[in-house]
N, C-alpha and C. Protein backbone atom coordinates (compact mmCIF):
# COMPACT_ATOMS: atom_id res chain seq x y z
N MET A 1 -52.07 55.24 -1.51
CA MET A 1 -51.25 55.01 -0.31
C MET A 1 -50.88 56.37 0.27
N SER A 2 -50.97 56.51 1.60
CA SER A 2 -50.69 57.79 2.24
C SER A 2 -49.20 58.08 2.25
N ASP A 3 -48.87 59.41 2.38
CA ASP A 3 -47.46 59.80 2.44
C ASP A 3 -46.76 59.20 3.65
N ASN A 4 -47.48 59.09 4.77
CA ASN A 4 -46.87 58.52 5.98
C ASN A 4 -46.48 57.06 5.77
N ARG A 5 -47.34 56.28 5.09
CA ARG A 5 -47.05 54.85 4.86
C ARG A 5 -45.86 54.71 3.91
N ILE A 6 -45.80 55.55 2.87
CA ILE A 6 -44.68 55.52 1.92
C ILE A 6 -43.38 55.79 2.63
N ARG A 7 -43.38 56.82 3.51
CA ARG A 7 -42.17 57.15 4.27
C ARG A 7 -41.77 55.99 5.17
N GLY A 8 -42.77 55.29 5.74
CA GLY A 8 -42.48 54.14 6.62
C GLY A 8 -41.85 53.00 5.86
N LEU A 9 -42.35 52.71 4.65
CA LEU A 9 -41.79 51.63 3.84
C LEU A 9 -40.35 51.94 3.44
N ARG A 10 -40.09 53.20 3.06
CA ARG A 10 -38.73 53.59 2.68
C ARG A 10 -37.77 53.42 3.85
N ALA A 11 -38.20 53.79 5.04
CA ALA A 11 -37.36 53.65 6.23
C ALA A 11 -37.05 52.19 6.52
N ALA A 12 -38.07 51.31 6.34
CA ALA A 12 -37.88 49.88 6.59
C ALA A 12 -36.88 49.29 5.61
N ARG A 13 -36.97 49.72 4.33
CA ARG A 13 -36.03 49.22 3.32
C ARG A 13 -34.61 49.64 3.66
N LEU A 14 -34.43 50.88 4.06
CA LEU A 14 -33.09 51.36 4.42
C LEU A 14 -32.55 50.61 5.62
N ALA A 15 -33.40 50.33 6.59
CA ALA A 15 -32.97 49.59 7.78
C ALA A 15 -32.55 48.18 7.40
N GLY A 16 -33.33 47.54 6.50
CA GLY A 16 -32.99 46.19 6.04
C GLY A 16 -31.67 46.16 5.30
N ALA A 17 -31.43 47.15 4.45
CA ALA A 17 -30.17 47.23 3.71
C ALA A 17 -29.00 47.38 4.67
N GLY A 18 -29.20 48.20 5.72
CA GLY A 18 -28.15 48.38 6.71
C GLY A 18 -27.83 47.08 7.43
N ALA A 19 -28.86 46.29 7.77
CA ALA A 19 -28.65 45.02 8.46
C ALA A 19 -27.90 44.05 7.57
N THR A 20 -28.26 44.05 6.28
CA THR A 20 -27.56 43.17 5.34
C THR A 20 -26.09 43.52 5.26
N ALA A 21 -25.76 44.81 5.23
CA ALA A 21 -24.38 45.25 5.16
C ALA A 21 -23.61 44.81 6.39
N VAL A 22 -24.23 44.89 7.58
CA VAL A 22 -23.57 44.48 8.81
C VAL A 22 -23.25 43.00 8.78
N VAL A 23 -24.22 42.17 8.32
CA VAL A 23 -24.00 40.72 8.23
C VAL A 23 -22.85 40.42 7.29
N ALA A 24 -22.79 41.09 6.13
CA ALA A 24 -21.73 40.84 5.15
C ALA A 24 -20.37 41.16 5.74
N VAL A 25 -20.24 42.27 6.43
CA VAL A 25 -18.97 42.65 7.04
C VAL A 25 -18.58 41.62 8.10
N GLY A 26 -19.54 41.13 8.87
CA GLY A 26 -19.25 40.13 9.90
C GLY A 26 -18.70 38.85 9.30
N LEU A 27 -19.27 38.41 8.19
CA LEU A 27 -18.79 37.20 7.54
C LEU A 27 -17.37 37.39 7.02
N LEU A 28 -17.08 38.55 6.46
CA LEU A 28 -15.74 38.81 5.97
C LEU A 28 -14.74 38.83 7.12
N SER A 29 -15.14 39.38 8.23
CA SER A 29 -14.24 39.45 9.38
C SER A 29 -13.94 38.05 9.90
N THR A 30 -14.97 37.19 9.92
CA THR A 30 -14.77 35.83 10.39
C THR A 30 -13.76 35.11 9.51
N GLY A 31 -13.88 35.29 8.20
CA GLY A 31 -12.94 34.64 7.28
C GLY A 31 -11.53 35.12 7.50
N ALA A 32 -11.35 36.40 7.73
CA ALA A 32 -10.01 36.94 7.94
C ALA A 32 -9.40 36.40 9.22
N ALA A 33 -10.23 36.21 10.24
CA ALA A 33 -9.71 35.73 11.51
C ALA A 33 -9.19 34.30 11.39
N ASN A 34 -9.83 33.49 10.54
CA ASN A 34 -9.40 32.10 10.38
C ASN A 34 -8.05 32.01 9.68
N ALA A 35 -7.73 32.97 8.81
CA ALA A 35 -6.44 33.03 8.12
C ALA A 35 -6.12 31.75 7.36
N ASP A 36 -7.12 31.12 6.76
CA ASP A 36 -6.87 29.94 5.92
C ASP A 36 -6.19 30.38 4.63
N THR A 37 -5.31 29.53 4.11
CA THR A 37 -4.61 29.82 2.86
C THR A 37 -4.88 28.71 1.86
N PHE A 38 -5.46 29.07 0.72
CA PHE A 38 -5.74 28.11 -0.34
C PHE A 38 -4.57 28.07 -1.31
N VAL A 39 -4.07 26.87 -1.62
CA VAL A 39 -2.91 26.72 -2.50
C VAL A 39 -3.29 25.85 -3.69
N PRO A 40 -3.53 26.44 -4.87
CA PRO A 40 -3.75 25.63 -6.08
C PRO A 40 -2.40 25.18 -6.62
N LEU A 41 -2.33 23.93 -7.09
CA LEU A 41 -1.05 23.37 -7.54
C LEU A 41 -1.17 22.86 -8.97
N PRO A 42 -0.08 22.92 -9.73
CA PRO A 42 -0.14 22.57 -11.16
C PRO A 42 -0.25 21.06 -11.38
N ASP A 43 -0.82 20.70 -12.54
CA ASP A 43 -0.89 19.30 -12.95
C ASP A 43 0.51 18.82 -13.34
N GLY A 44 0.69 17.50 -13.37
CA GLY A 44 1.98 16.94 -13.76
C GLY A 44 1.81 15.60 -14.44
N GLN A 45 2.82 15.22 -15.21
CA GLN A 45 2.78 13.93 -15.91
C GLN A 45 4.19 13.42 -16.16
N LYS A 46 4.35 12.10 -16.11
CA LYS A 46 5.63 11.46 -16.39
C LYS A 46 5.37 10.14 -17.10
N THR A 47 6.10 9.92 -18.20
CA THR A 47 5.89 8.73 -19.02
C THR A 47 7.12 7.85 -19.02
N THR A 48 6.90 6.54 -18.87
CA THR A 48 7.96 5.54 -18.95
C THR A 48 7.53 4.50 -19.99
N PRO A 49 8.41 3.57 -20.35
CA PRO A 49 8.02 2.55 -21.34
C PRO A 49 6.80 1.72 -20.93
N ASN A 50 6.58 1.56 -19.61
CA ASN A 50 5.49 0.69 -19.16
C ASN A 50 4.28 1.42 -18.59
N ALA A 51 4.42 2.71 -18.32
CA ALA A 51 3.31 3.41 -17.66
C ALA A 51 3.42 4.92 -17.85
N THR A 52 2.26 5.58 -17.77
CA THR A 52 2.19 7.04 -17.73
C THR A 52 1.50 7.45 -16.44
N ILE A 53 2.17 8.30 -15.66
CA ILE A 53 1.61 8.78 -14.39
C ILE A 53 1.12 10.20 -14.58
N THR A 54 -0.11 10.48 -14.13
CA THR A 54 -0.69 11.81 -14.27
C THR A 54 -1.27 12.26 -12.93
N ARG A 55 -1.02 13.52 -12.59
CA ARG A 55 -1.63 14.11 -11.39
C ARG A 55 -2.42 15.34 -11.81
N THR A 56 -3.67 15.44 -11.38
CA THR A 56 -4.52 16.58 -11.70
C THR A 56 -5.28 17.03 -10.45
N GLY A 57 -5.75 18.27 -10.52
CA GLY A 57 -6.63 18.79 -9.47
C GLY A 57 -6.02 18.84 -8.09
N GLU A 58 -4.69 18.93 -8.00
CA GLU A 58 -4.07 18.96 -6.68
C GLU A 58 -4.25 20.34 -6.05
N ARG A 59 -4.56 20.36 -4.76
CA ARG A 59 -4.73 21.62 -4.04
C ARG A 59 -4.55 21.35 -2.55
N ALA A 60 -4.30 22.42 -1.82
CA ALA A 60 -4.14 22.32 -0.38
C ALA A 60 -4.79 23.52 0.28
N LEU A 61 -5.36 23.30 1.44
CA LEU A 61 -5.89 24.38 2.27
C LEU A 61 -5.14 24.33 3.59
N ILE A 62 -4.42 25.39 3.90
CA ILE A 62 -3.60 25.44 5.11
C ILE A 62 -4.32 26.27 6.15
N SER A 63 -4.52 25.71 7.34
CA SER A 63 -5.21 26.44 8.40
C SER A 63 -4.44 26.29 9.71
N PRO A 64 -4.62 27.24 10.63
CA PRO A 64 -3.95 27.12 11.93
C PRO A 64 -4.41 25.86 12.65
N SER A 65 -3.50 25.23 13.39
CA SER A 65 -3.85 24.04 14.16
C SER A 65 -4.82 24.39 15.27
N LEU A 66 -5.70 23.43 15.60
CA LEU A 66 -6.63 23.64 16.71
C LEU A 66 -5.89 23.73 18.04
N ALA A 67 -4.64 23.23 18.07
CA ALA A 67 -3.86 23.31 19.30
C ALA A 67 -3.48 24.75 19.63
N ALA A 68 -3.43 25.62 18.62
CA ALA A 68 -3.15 27.05 18.81
C ALA A 68 -1.90 27.29 19.66
N ASN A 69 -0.84 26.52 19.35
CA ASN A 69 0.39 26.65 20.13
C ASN A 69 1.50 27.37 19.38
N GLY A 70 1.22 27.84 18.16
CA GLY A 70 2.22 28.56 17.39
C GLY A 70 3.19 27.67 16.64
N ALA A 71 3.19 26.37 16.92
CA ALA A 71 4.11 25.44 16.26
C ALA A 71 3.36 24.38 15.47
N GLY A 72 2.08 24.61 15.22
CA GLY A 72 1.26 23.62 14.52
C GLY A 72 0.44 24.24 13.41
N ARG A 73 0.06 23.40 12.46
CA ARG A 73 -0.81 23.82 11.37
C ARG A 73 -1.46 22.56 10.79
N THR A 74 -2.58 22.75 10.11
CA THR A 74 -3.27 21.63 9.49
C THR A 74 -3.35 21.86 7.98
N ALA A 75 -2.96 20.84 7.21
CA ALA A 75 -3.06 20.89 5.75
C ALA A 75 -4.16 19.94 5.31
N TRP A 76 -5.13 20.49 4.57
CA TRP A 76 -6.22 19.68 4.01
C TRP A 76 -5.86 19.42 2.54
N LEU A 77 -5.55 18.18 2.20
CA LEU A 77 -4.94 17.84 0.92
C LEU A 77 -5.93 17.14 0.00
N SER A 78 -5.91 17.54 -1.29
CA SER A 78 -6.79 16.95 -2.29
C SER A 78 -6.05 16.76 -3.60
N GLY A 79 -6.47 15.78 -4.40
CA GLY A 79 -5.86 15.57 -5.70
C GLY A 79 -6.34 14.28 -6.35
N ASN A 80 -5.98 14.11 -7.60
CA ASN A 80 -6.29 12.90 -8.36
C ASN A 80 -5.02 12.41 -9.05
N VAL A 81 -4.71 11.12 -8.92
CA VAL A 81 -3.56 10.56 -9.62
C VAL A 81 -4.04 9.35 -10.43
N ARG A 82 -3.38 9.15 -11.57
CA ARG A 82 -3.77 8.05 -12.46
C ARG A 82 -2.52 7.42 -13.05
N ALA A 83 -2.56 6.10 -13.17
CA ALA A 83 -1.49 5.37 -13.83
C ALA A 83 -2.08 4.58 -14.98
N ASP A 84 -1.63 4.88 -16.21
CA ASP A 84 -2.03 4.11 -17.39
C ASP A 84 -0.90 3.12 -17.66
N VAL A 85 -1.14 1.86 -17.29
CA VAL A 85 -0.11 0.82 -17.35
C VAL A 85 -0.28 0.01 -18.63
N THR A 86 0.77 -0.03 -19.44
CA THR A 86 0.70 -0.73 -20.73
C THR A 86 1.27 -2.14 -20.66
N ALA A 87 2.15 -2.41 -19.68
CA ALA A 87 2.75 -3.75 -19.59
C ALA A 87 3.17 -4.04 -18.16
N THR A 88 2.74 -5.20 -17.64
CA THR A 88 3.16 -5.66 -16.32
C THR A 88 2.87 -7.15 -16.21
N PRO A 89 3.74 -7.90 -15.56
CA PRO A 89 3.42 -9.30 -15.29
C PRO A 89 2.21 -9.39 -14.36
N GLU A 90 1.48 -10.49 -14.43
CA GLU A 90 0.36 -10.70 -13.51
C GLU A 90 0.92 -11.17 -12.18
N GLY A 91 1.10 -10.22 -11.28
CA GLY A 91 1.68 -10.54 -9.98
C GLY A 91 0.67 -11.17 -9.05
N GLU A 92 1.17 -11.62 -7.92
CA GLU A 92 0.34 -12.19 -6.87
C GLU A 92 0.68 -11.49 -5.57
N VAL A 93 -0.31 -10.86 -4.94
CA VAL A 93 -0.07 -10.08 -3.74
C VAL A 93 0.38 -10.99 -2.61
N GLY A 94 1.49 -10.63 -2.00
CA GLY A 94 2.02 -11.42 -0.90
C GLY A 94 2.58 -10.52 0.17
N PRO A 95 3.33 -11.08 1.11
CA PRO A 95 3.88 -10.24 2.19
C PRO A 95 4.90 -9.26 1.66
N ASN A 96 4.94 -8.09 2.28
CA ASN A 96 5.89 -7.06 1.89
C ASN A 96 7.20 -7.32 2.61
N ASN A 97 8.22 -7.71 1.87
CA ASN A 97 9.51 -8.04 2.46
C ASN A 97 10.43 -6.83 2.60
N GLY A 98 9.99 -5.69 2.11
CA GLY A 98 10.82 -4.50 2.20
C GLY A 98 11.90 -4.48 1.14
N PRO A 99 12.67 -3.38 1.09
CA PRO A 99 13.74 -3.26 0.09
C PRO A 99 14.74 -4.40 0.20
N ALA A 100 15.10 -4.99 -0.94
CA ALA A 100 16.05 -6.11 -0.94
C ALA A 100 17.48 -5.63 -0.80
N ASN A 101 17.78 -4.48 -1.42
CA ASN A 101 19.12 -3.89 -1.35
C ASN A 101 20.22 -4.80 -1.90
N GLY A 102 19.83 -5.82 -2.63
CA GLY A 102 20.82 -6.71 -3.22
C GLY A 102 21.20 -6.27 -4.61
N PRO A 103 22.28 -6.88 -5.18
CA PRO A 103 22.69 -6.51 -6.55
C PRO A 103 21.55 -6.71 -7.54
N GLY A 104 21.27 -5.67 -8.31
CA GLY A 104 20.23 -5.75 -9.33
C GLY A 104 18.82 -5.62 -8.81
N SER A 105 18.66 -5.39 -7.51
CA SER A 105 17.30 -5.31 -6.95
C SER A 105 16.68 -3.94 -7.14
N ASN A 106 17.50 -2.92 -7.46
CA ASN A 106 17.00 -1.55 -7.62
C ASN A 106 16.26 -1.06 -6.38
N ASN A 107 16.68 -1.58 -5.22
CA ASN A 107 16.03 -1.19 -3.98
C ASN A 107 14.54 -1.47 -4.02
N SER A 108 14.16 -2.59 -4.62
CA SER A 108 12.75 -2.93 -4.78
C SER A 108 12.07 -3.14 -3.44
N SER A 109 10.88 -2.61 -3.31
CA SER A 109 10.08 -2.82 -2.11
C SER A 109 8.77 -3.52 -2.46
N THR A 110 8.73 -4.19 -3.60
CA THR A 110 7.50 -4.82 -4.05
C THR A 110 7.05 -5.94 -3.10
N HIS A 111 5.78 -6.14 -3.05
CA HIS A 111 5.21 -7.21 -2.22
C HIS A 111 4.62 -8.31 -3.11
N GLY A 112 5.14 -8.44 -4.29
CA GLY A 112 4.71 -9.51 -5.18
C GLY A 112 3.85 -9.05 -6.34
N ALA A 113 3.45 -7.79 -6.35
CA ALA A 113 2.63 -7.26 -7.44
C ALA A 113 3.10 -5.84 -7.75
N SER A 114 2.85 -5.41 -8.98
CA SER A 114 3.10 -4.01 -9.31
C SER A 114 2.15 -3.14 -8.49
N GLN A 115 2.51 -1.87 -8.32
CA GLN A 115 1.71 -1.05 -7.42
C GLN A 115 1.77 0.43 -7.78
N LEU A 116 0.64 1.12 -7.50
CA LEU A 116 0.55 2.57 -7.56
C LEU A 116 0.36 3.06 -6.14
N ASN A 117 1.19 4.02 -5.69
CA ASN A 117 0.95 4.62 -4.37
C ASN A 117 1.28 6.10 -4.42
N THR A 118 0.59 6.85 -3.57
CA THR A 118 0.74 8.30 -3.60
C THR A 118 0.67 8.88 -2.20
N GLY A 119 1.32 10.02 -2.01
CA GLY A 119 1.31 10.66 -0.70
C GLY A 119 2.09 11.96 -0.75
N TYR A 120 2.64 12.36 0.39
CA TYR A 120 3.34 13.64 0.49
C TYR A 120 4.63 13.50 1.29
N ILE A 121 5.64 14.26 0.87
CA ILE A 121 6.86 14.43 1.65
C ILE A 121 6.68 15.73 2.42
N ILE A 122 6.90 15.69 3.73
CA ILE A 122 6.72 16.87 4.56
C ILE A 122 8.00 17.11 5.37
N GLY A 123 8.52 18.32 5.31
CA GLY A 123 9.77 18.64 5.99
C GLY A 123 9.67 19.91 6.81
N CYS A 124 10.44 19.97 7.88
CA CYS A 124 10.50 21.15 8.74
C CYS A 124 11.84 21.84 8.54
N GLN A 125 11.82 23.07 8.06
CA GLN A 125 13.01 23.86 7.79
C GLN A 125 13.97 23.11 6.86
N VAL A 126 13.38 22.42 5.87
CA VAL A 126 14.14 21.66 4.87
C VAL A 126 13.58 21.99 3.50
N SER A 127 14.46 22.20 2.51
CA SER A 127 14.01 22.42 1.14
C SER A 127 13.70 21.09 0.48
N LEU A 128 12.56 21.00 -0.18
CA LEU A 128 12.17 19.78 -0.88
C LEU A 128 12.25 19.98 -2.39
N ALA A 129 13.21 20.77 -2.85
CA ALA A 129 13.40 21.02 -4.27
C ALA A 129 13.95 19.76 -4.94
N ASP A 130 14.01 19.79 -6.29
CA ASP A 130 14.45 18.62 -7.05
C ASP A 130 15.83 18.14 -6.64
N ASP A 131 16.76 19.09 -6.42
CA ASP A 131 18.12 18.68 -6.09
C ASP A 131 18.19 17.97 -4.75
N ALA A 132 17.35 18.39 -3.79
CA ALA A 132 17.34 17.75 -2.49
C ALA A 132 16.77 16.34 -2.57
N VAL A 133 15.71 16.18 -3.37
CA VAL A 133 15.10 14.85 -3.51
C VAL A 133 16.06 13.91 -4.22
N SER A 134 16.68 14.36 -5.31
CA SER A 134 17.58 13.51 -6.08
C SER A 134 18.84 13.17 -5.29
N ALA A 135 19.19 14.02 -4.31
CA ALA A 135 20.38 13.77 -3.51
C ALA A 135 20.13 12.73 -2.42
N GLY A 136 18.88 12.29 -2.29
CA GLY A 136 18.58 11.23 -1.33
C GLY A 136 17.98 11.73 -0.04
N VAL A 137 17.12 12.76 -0.12
CA VAL A 137 16.49 13.26 1.10
C VAL A 137 15.63 12.19 1.74
N SER A 138 15.20 11.16 0.96
CA SER A 138 14.34 10.12 1.51
C SER A 138 15.12 9.05 2.26
N GLY A 139 16.42 9.10 2.23
CA GLY A 139 17.20 8.07 2.91
C GLY A 139 17.04 8.13 4.42
N GLY A 140 16.52 7.06 4.99
CA GLY A 140 16.41 6.98 6.43
C GLY A 140 15.27 7.77 7.04
N VAL A 141 14.36 8.32 6.24
CA VAL A 141 13.27 9.10 6.82
C VAL A 141 12.17 8.16 7.29
N ASP A 142 11.30 8.70 8.13
CA ASP A 142 10.18 7.91 8.64
C ASP A 142 9.06 7.89 7.62
N LEU A 143 8.37 6.75 7.51
CA LEU A 143 7.21 6.62 6.62
C LEU A 143 5.98 6.42 7.49
N THR A 144 5.01 7.32 7.34
CA THR A 144 3.77 7.22 8.09
C THR A 144 2.64 7.08 7.09
N GLY A 145 1.76 6.10 7.27
CA GLY A 145 0.71 5.85 6.29
C GLY A 145 -0.67 6.20 6.80
N VAL A 146 -1.51 6.62 5.89
CA VAL A 146 -2.91 6.89 6.21
C VAL A 146 -3.73 6.67 4.96
N LYS A 147 -4.83 5.95 5.07
CA LYS A 147 -5.72 5.74 3.93
C LYS A 147 -6.55 6.98 3.67
N ALA A 148 -6.88 7.20 2.38
CA ALA A 148 -7.70 8.35 2.03
C ALA A 148 -8.99 8.34 2.83
N GLY A 149 -9.38 9.51 3.31
CA GLY A 149 -10.58 9.62 4.11
C GLY A 149 -10.28 9.60 5.60
N GLY A 150 -9.06 9.20 5.98
CA GLY A 150 -8.67 9.23 7.38
C GLY A 150 -7.97 10.53 7.71
N SER A 151 -7.37 10.59 8.88
CA SER A 151 -6.61 11.78 9.27
C SER A 151 -5.34 11.33 9.95
N ILE A 152 -4.37 12.22 10.02
CA ILE A 152 -3.09 11.85 10.59
C ILE A 152 -2.49 13.02 11.35
N GLY A 153 -1.83 12.69 12.46
CA GLY A 153 -1.07 13.67 13.20
C GLY A 153 0.41 13.41 13.00
N LEU A 154 1.15 14.45 12.71
CA LEU A 154 2.56 14.31 12.36
C LEU A 154 3.40 15.23 13.24
N ASN A 155 4.39 14.66 13.93
CA ASN A 155 5.32 15.45 14.73
C ASN A 155 6.66 15.52 14.03
N ILE A 156 7.10 16.72 13.67
CA ILE A 156 8.40 16.90 13.02
C ILE A 156 9.12 18.08 13.64
N GLY A 157 10.43 17.93 13.79
CA GLY A 157 11.25 19.01 14.31
C GLY A 157 12.16 19.55 13.23
N PRO A 158 12.96 20.56 13.52
CA PRO A 158 13.86 21.16 12.53
C PRO A 158 14.77 20.11 11.89
N GLY A 159 14.79 20.09 10.55
CA GLY A 159 15.62 19.16 9.80
C GLY A 159 14.96 17.82 9.53
N ASP A 160 13.77 17.58 10.10
CA ASP A 160 13.09 16.30 9.89
C ASP A 160 12.35 16.28 8.55
N VAL A 161 12.31 15.09 7.93
CA VAL A 161 11.53 14.86 6.71
C VAL A 161 10.77 13.56 6.89
N LYS A 162 9.46 13.57 6.62
CA LYS A 162 8.66 12.36 6.74
C LYS A 162 7.81 12.18 5.49
N PHE A 163 7.58 10.91 5.14
CA PHE A 163 6.70 10.56 4.04
C PHE A 163 5.35 10.16 4.62
N VAL A 164 4.28 10.74 4.10
CA VAL A 164 2.93 10.39 4.51
C VAL A 164 2.23 9.74 3.30
N GLN A 165 1.94 8.46 3.39
CA GLN A 165 1.26 7.78 2.28
C GLN A 165 -0.24 7.97 2.42
N ILE A 166 -0.86 8.48 1.36
CA ILE A 166 -2.31 8.70 1.36
C ILE A 166 -3.05 7.40 1.03
N ASP A 167 -2.62 6.71 -0.04
CA ASP A 167 -3.31 5.49 -0.45
C ASP A 167 -2.46 4.74 -1.47
N SER A 168 -2.81 3.49 -1.73
CA SER A 168 -2.11 2.68 -2.73
C SER A 168 -3.07 1.72 -3.39
N LYS A 169 -2.70 1.25 -4.59
CA LYS A 169 -3.50 0.25 -5.31
C LYS A 169 -2.57 -0.76 -5.97
N ASP A 170 -2.91 -2.04 -5.84
CA ASP A 170 -2.14 -3.07 -6.52
C ASP A 170 -2.49 -3.09 -8.00
N ILE A 171 -1.47 -3.35 -8.82
CA ILE A 171 -1.64 -3.42 -10.28
C ILE A 171 -1.39 -4.87 -10.68
N LEU A 172 -2.44 -5.60 -11.03
CA LEU A 172 -2.33 -7.02 -11.33
C LEU A 172 -2.35 -7.31 -12.82
N LYS A 173 -2.68 -6.31 -13.64
CA LYS A 173 -2.65 -6.46 -15.09
C LYS A 173 -2.65 -5.09 -15.72
N SER A 174 -2.42 -5.04 -17.01
CA SER A 174 -2.40 -3.75 -17.72
C SER A 174 -3.77 -3.07 -17.61
N GLY A 175 -3.75 -1.73 -17.60
CA GLY A 175 -5.00 -0.99 -17.50
C GLY A 175 -4.80 0.36 -16.85
N THR A 176 -5.90 1.01 -16.48
CA THR A 176 -5.86 2.33 -15.85
C THR A 176 -6.24 2.19 -14.38
N TYR A 177 -5.39 2.77 -13.53
CA TYR A 177 -5.61 2.72 -12.08
C TYR A 177 -5.56 4.15 -11.55
N SER A 178 -6.47 4.48 -10.64
CA SER A 178 -6.52 5.85 -10.15
C SER A 178 -6.78 5.89 -8.64
N ILE A 179 -6.32 6.97 -8.05
CA ILE A 179 -6.57 7.27 -6.63
C ILE A 179 -7.05 8.71 -6.55
N GLU A 180 -8.20 8.91 -5.93
CA GLU A 180 -8.74 10.25 -5.73
C GLU A 180 -8.89 10.49 -4.23
N TYR A 181 -8.45 11.64 -3.76
CA TYR A 181 -8.58 11.96 -2.35
C TYR A 181 -8.99 13.42 -2.22
N GLN A 182 -9.78 13.70 -1.19
CA GLN A 182 -10.31 15.06 -1.02
C GLN A 182 -10.28 15.43 0.45
N ASP A 183 -9.65 16.57 0.74
CA ASP A 183 -9.62 17.16 2.09
C ASP A 183 -9.14 16.16 3.14
N VAL A 184 -8.04 15.46 2.83
CA VAL A 184 -7.43 14.58 3.83
C VAL A 184 -6.64 15.47 4.81
N PRO A 185 -6.98 15.48 6.09
CA PRO A 185 -6.31 16.39 7.03
C PRO A 185 -5.02 15.80 7.58
N VAL A 186 -3.95 16.59 7.50
CA VAL A 186 -2.67 16.23 8.13
C VAL A 186 -2.34 17.34 9.13
N ASP A 187 -2.38 16.99 10.41
CA ASP A 187 -2.10 17.96 11.47
C ASP A 187 -0.62 17.88 11.82
N ILE A 188 0.10 18.96 11.57
CA ILE A 188 1.55 18.99 11.72
C ILE A 188 1.90 19.75 12.99
N GLN A 189 2.64 19.09 13.90
CA GLN A 189 3.01 19.68 15.18
C GLN A 189 4.53 19.62 15.36
N GLY A 190 5.06 20.52 16.18
CA GLY A 190 6.46 20.47 16.57
C GLY A 190 7.39 21.31 15.73
N CYS A 191 6.91 21.83 14.59
CA CYS A 191 7.77 22.62 13.71
C CYS A 191 7.46 24.10 13.94
N GLY A 192 8.32 24.76 14.71
CA GLY A 192 8.07 26.16 15.01
C GLY A 192 8.49 27.10 13.90
N GLY A 193 9.21 26.58 12.88
CA GLY A 193 9.65 27.42 11.78
C GLY A 193 8.97 27.05 10.48
N TYR A 194 9.67 27.33 9.39
CA TYR A 194 9.14 27.10 8.04
C TYR A 194 8.93 25.61 7.79
N ALA A 195 7.79 25.25 7.23
CA ALA A 195 7.50 23.86 6.86
C ALA A 195 7.09 23.81 5.40
N GLN A 196 7.42 22.71 4.74
CA GLN A 196 7.15 22.57 3.31
C GLN A 196 6.62 21.16 3.04
N ALA A 197 5.82 21.04 1.98
CA ALA A 197 5.29 19.74 1.57
C ALA A 197 5.41 19.59 0.06
N ARG A 198 5.38 18.34 -0.38
CA ARG A 198 5.47 18.05 -1.81
C ARG A 198 4.84 16.70 -2.09
N ALA A 199 3.98 16.62 -3.08
CA ALA A 199 3.32 15.36 -3.43
C ALA A 199 4.30 14.42 -4.14
N TYR A 200 4.08 13.13 -3.95
CA TYR A 200 4.81 12.13 -4.73
C TYR A 200 3.82 11.05 -5.17
N THR A 201 4.05 10.49 -6.33
CA THR A 201 3.29 9.35 -6.81
C THR A 201 4.28 8.36 -7.42
N VAL A 202 4.23 7.11 -6.97
CA VAL A 202 5.16 6.08 -7.41
C VAL A 202 4.41 4.97 -8.12
N VAL A 203 4.94 4.55 -9.28
CA VAL A 203 4.46 3.35 -9.95
C VAL A 203 5.63 2.37 -10.02
N GLU A 204 5.43 1.20 -9.43
CA GLU A 204 6.46 0.17 -9.41
C GLU A 204 5.98 -1.01 -10.25
N ILE A 205 6.78 -1.38 -11.24
CA ILE A 205 6.45 -2.49 -12.14
C ILE A 205 7.43 -3.64 -11.86
N ILE A 206 6.87 -4.81 -11.51
CA ILE A 206 7.71 -5.96 -11.20
C ILE A 206 8.12 -6.68 -12.48
N GLY A 207 8.92 -7.73 -12.33
CA GLY A 207 9.27 -8.57 -13.47
C GLY A 207 10.68 -8.38 -13.97
N ASP A 208 10.96 -9.02 -15.11
CA ASP A 208 12.31 -8.96 -15.68
C ASP A 208 12.72 -7.55 -16.06
N HIS A 209 11.74 -6.70 -16.40
CA HIS A 209 12.03 -5.31 -16.77
C HIS A 209 11.54 -4.38 -15.65
N TYR A 210 12.04 -4.67 -14.46
CA TYR A 210 11.62 -3.94 -13.26
C TYR A 210 11.86 -2.44 -13.42
N SER A 211 10.88 -1.64 -12.95
CA SER A 211 11.05 -0.19 -12.94
C SER A 211 10.30 0.39 -11.76
N LYS A 212 10.81 1.51 -11.27
CA LYS A 212 10.16 2.24 -10.19
C LYS A 212 10.25 3.72 -10.53
N THR A 213 9.10 4.32 -10.86
CA THR A 213 9.06 5.69 -11.38
C THR A 213 8.30 6.58 -10.42
N THR A 214 8.85 7.76 -10.14
CA THR A 214 8.22 8.71 -9.22
C THR A 214 7.90 10.02 -9.93
N LEU A 215 6.67 10.46 -9.79
CA LEU A 215 6.26 11.79 -10.25
C LEU A 215 6.11 12.67 -9.02
N TYR A 216 6.92 13.74 -8.94
CA TYR A 216 6.83 14.67 -7.81
C TYR A 216 5.95 15.86 -8.18
N GLY A 217 5.28 16.41 -7.18
CA GLY A 217 4.51 17.62 -7.38
C GLY A 217 5.35 18.85 -7.07
N GLN A 218 4.74 20.00 -7.20
CA GLN A 218 5.42 21.25 -6.89
C GLN A 218 5.48 21.44 -5.37
N PRO A 219 6.67 21.79 -4.83
CA PRO A 219 6.74 22.06 -3.39
C PRO A 219 5.88 23.27 -3.02
N PHE A 220 5.28 23.22 -1.83
CA PHE A 220 4.48 24.37 -1.38
C PHE A 220 4.67 24.57 0.12
N SER A 221 4.48 25.80 0.54
CA SER A 221 4.71 26.17 1.95
C SER A 221 3.51 25.78 2.81
N LEU A 222 3.83 25.31 4.01
CA LEU A 222 2.81 25.03 5.02
C LEU A 222 2.76 26.15 6.05
N GLY A 223 3.50 27.23 5.78
CA GLY A 223 3.51 28.37 6.68
C GLY A 223 4.68 28.33 7.65
């Protein structure tokens, strides 16, 4: 091979390496411009006499809203929840009559069968810590539902708290019940300040030994 051809090949290799470096920098710049924030969240578990609730693989990806108005953001939510139910009456699914609020009703909202349901509490400029939840932050808040795989738009202002239900499953006999959801988008608008979210999973067991147990996730910032 001639010296001229060798020099030509070396120059081509250097030019190719330079092009590769430019492409790599461009990709990194694009990622920085998007300013997405990945939030890994810890697993959790809660055990009662009739059921064990477990949450695993929970995570969130927070990205700027497509509205680009400074008061919006989108949370892409993922996780797995499981209820291992050891005892429940064989219920019959019927109309949801809402909370009874009567003596001994334990504020039951059952619709005739035991149930597993999961979702998120989302607040604008409100702390969703344990003390706030136990003090009754859910009293009088709005409940907005969306099935896994769908999307939801949520308008909240300062001091507002809303529950977003991702999915639910009826429990008609003892066994293992699970809900898995991946990248469910919740577009949050109207909150110009700090916003926070927190997962919840509820197992409600009907019958003479009625119970309603909630496993909360770790609160995380929506920016």
